[in-house]
Amino acid sequence: KAPFHSLFLNTFLQHYPGARLIMTHRCLEEVIPSFCRLFWAGFNIYYHENDPEARKAIQGFASRLLEKMIERVM
């Protein structure tokens, strides 16, 4: 249901081996900025909005996590 659930598909399928998964799809050009905004919303209490290094760090973390999520789905 949530993007983060893709990190735990193996665990899910261990508990529900007969489950069928429906994978929705969005263009990465839409997903990546949206995902970064989601991270910024969660981490903005720790970083100043105008700090370019903070923005770069959050974008890097979000990109690496998104890559891991895609890897797990594949």
C-alpha atoms as a PDB file:
ATOM      1  CA  LYS A   1       0.000   0.000   0.000  1.00  0.00           C
ATOM      2  CA  ALA A   2       2.784   2.444   0.850  1.00  0.00           C
ATOM      3  CA  PRO A   3       6.043   2.795  -1.101  1.00  0.00           C
ATOM      4  CA  PHE A   4       8.054   1.699   1.930  1.00  0.00           C
ATOM      5  CA  HIS A   5       6.282  -1.646   1.962  1.00  0.00           C
ATOM      6  CA  SER A   6       8.323  -2.666  -1.078  1.00  0.00           C
ATOM      7  CA  LEU A   7      11.305  -3.000   1.260  1.00  0.00           C
ATOM      8  CA  PHE A   8       9.587  -5.891   3.006  1.00  0.00           C
ATOM      9  CA  LEU A   9       8.052  -7.919   0.185  1.00  0.00           C
ATOM     10  CA  ASN A  10      10.041 -11.037   1.102  1.00  0.00           C
ATOM     11  CA  THR A  11       8.690 -10.954   4.654  1.00  0.00           C
ATOM     12  CA  PHE A  12       5.168 -10.379   3.393  1.00  0.00           C
ATOM     13  CA  LEU A  13       5.403 -13.304   0.971  1.00  0.00           C
ATOM     14  CA  GLN A  14       6.777 -15.579   3.710  1.00  0.00           C
ATOM     15  CA  HIS A  15       3.605 -14.975   5.710  1.00  0.00           C
ATOM     16  CA  TYR A  16       1.272 -14.993   2.697  1.00  0.00           C
ATOM     17  CA  PRO A  17       2.935 -17.295   0.147  1.00  0.00           C
ATOM     18  CA  GLY A  18      -0.086 -17.392  -2.164  1.00  0.00           C
ATOM     19  CA  ALA A  19      -0.553 -13.631  -2.257  1.00  0.00           C
ATOM     20  CA  ARG A  20      -0.819 -11.852  -5.571  1.00  0.00           C
ATOM     21  CA  LEU A  21       0.762  -8.453  -5.795  1.00  0.00           C
ATOM     22  CA  ILE A  22      -0.538  -5.612  -7.925  1.00  0.00           C
ATOM     23  CA  MET A  23       2.168  -3.154  -8.830  1.00  0.00           C
ATOM     24  CA  THR A  24       1.109   0.336  -9.817  1.00  0.00           C
ATOM     25  CA  HIS A  25       3.367   2.484 -11.939  1.00  0.00           C
ATOM     26  CA  ARG A  26       4.225   6.169 -12.115  1.00  0.00           C
ATOM     27  CA  CYS A  27       6.825   7.917 -14.253  1.00  0.00           C
ATOM     28  CA  LEU A  28      10.113   8.388 -12.410  1.00  0.00           C
ATOM     29  CA  GLU A  29      10.047  12.059 -13.384  1.00  0.00           C
ATOM     30  CA  GLU A  30       7.033  12.357 -11.078  1.00  0.00           C
ATOM     31  CA  VAL A  31       8.097   9.865  -8.428  1.00  0.00           C
ATOM     32  CA  ILE A  32      11.541  11.183  -7.573  1.00  0.00           C
ATOM     33  CA  PRO A  33      10.544  14.810  -6.802  1.00  0.00           C
ATOM     34  CA  SER A  34       7.481  13.582  -4.903  1.00  0.00           C
ATOM     35  CA  PHE A  35       9.593  11.127  -2.897  1.00  0.00           C
ATOM     36  CA  CYS A  36      12.132  13.869  -2.100  1.00  0.00           C
ATOM     37  CA  ARG A  37       9.335  16.181  -0.910  1.00  0.00           C
ATOM     38  CA  LEU A  38       8.064  13.377   1.325  1.00  0.00           C
ATOM     39  CA  PHE A  39      11.511  13.033   2.880  1.00  0.00           C
ATOM     40  CA  TRP A  40      11.881  16.778   3.252  1.00  0.00           C
ATOM     41  CA  ALA A  41       8.549  16.899   5.082  1.00  0.00           C
ATOM     42  CA  GLY A  42       9.818  14.285   7.528  1.00  0.00           C
ATOM     43  CA  PHE A  43      13.308  15.675   8.040  1.00  0.00           C
ATOM     44  CA  ASN A  44      12.747  19.444   7.817  1.00  0.00           C
ATOM     45  CA  ILE A  45      12.614  19.729  11.601  1.00  0.00           C
ATOM     46  CA  TYR A  46      16.295  18.737  11.627  1.00  0.00           C
ATOM     47  CA  TYR A  47      17.529  20.831   8.697  1.00  0.00           C
ATOM     48  CA  HIS A  48      17.133  24.440   7.613  1.00  0.00           C
ATOM     49  CA  GLU A  49      15.118  24.766   4.414  1.00  0.00           C
ATOM     50  CA  ASN A  50      17.638  27.061   2.724  1.00  0.00           C
ATOM     51  CA  ASP A  51      20.664  24.877   3.517  1.00  0.00           C
ATOM     52  CA  PRO A  52      21.838  23.483   0.160  1.00  0.00           C
ATOM     53  CA  GLU A  53      23.948  20.790   1.847  1.00  0.00           C
ATOM     54  CA  ALA A  54      20.937  19.546   3.804  1.00  0.00           C
ATOM     55  CA  ARG A  55      18.809  19.444   0.656  1.00  0.00           C
ATOM     56  CA  LYS A  56      21.554  17.579  -1.172  1.00  0.00           C
ATOM     57  CA  ALA A  57      21.897  15.061   1.682  1.00  0.00           C
ATOM     58  CA  ILE A  58      18.143  14.401   1.808  1.00  0.00           C
ATOM     59  CA  GLN A  59      17.935  14.058  -1.974  1.00  0.00           C
ATOM     60  CA  GLY A  60      20.838  11.604  -1.918  1.00  0.00           C
ATOM     61  CA  PHE A  61      19.267   9.546   0.848  1.00  0.00           C
ATOM     62  CA  ALA A  62      15.890   9.543  -0.896  1.00  0.00           C
ATOM     63  CA  SER A  63      17.491   8.504  -4.196  1.00  0.00           C
ATOM     64  CA  ARG A  64      19.399   5.628  -2.594  1.00  0.00           C
ATOM     65  CA  LEU A  65      16.294   4.410  -0.783  1.00  0.00           C
ATOM     66  CA  LEU A  66      14.197   4.655  -3.937  1.00  0.00           C
ATOM     67  CA  GLU A  67      16.830   2.651  -5.805  1.00  0.00           C
ATOM     68  CA  LYS A  68      16.733  -0.032  -3.081  1.00  0.00           C
ATOM     69  CA  MET A  69      12.933  -0.143  -3.239  1.00  0.00           C
ATOM     70  CA  ILE A  70      12.992  -0.620  -7.014  1.00  0.00           C
ATOM     71  CA  GLU A  71      15.623  -3.344  -6.620  1.00  0.00           C
ATOM     72  CA  ARG A  72      13.437  -5.209  -4.122  1.00  0.00           C
ATOM     73  CA  VAL A  73      10.404  -5.032  -6.394  1.00  0.00           C
ATOM     74  CA  MET A  74      12.384  -6.319  -9.364  1.00  0.00           C
END
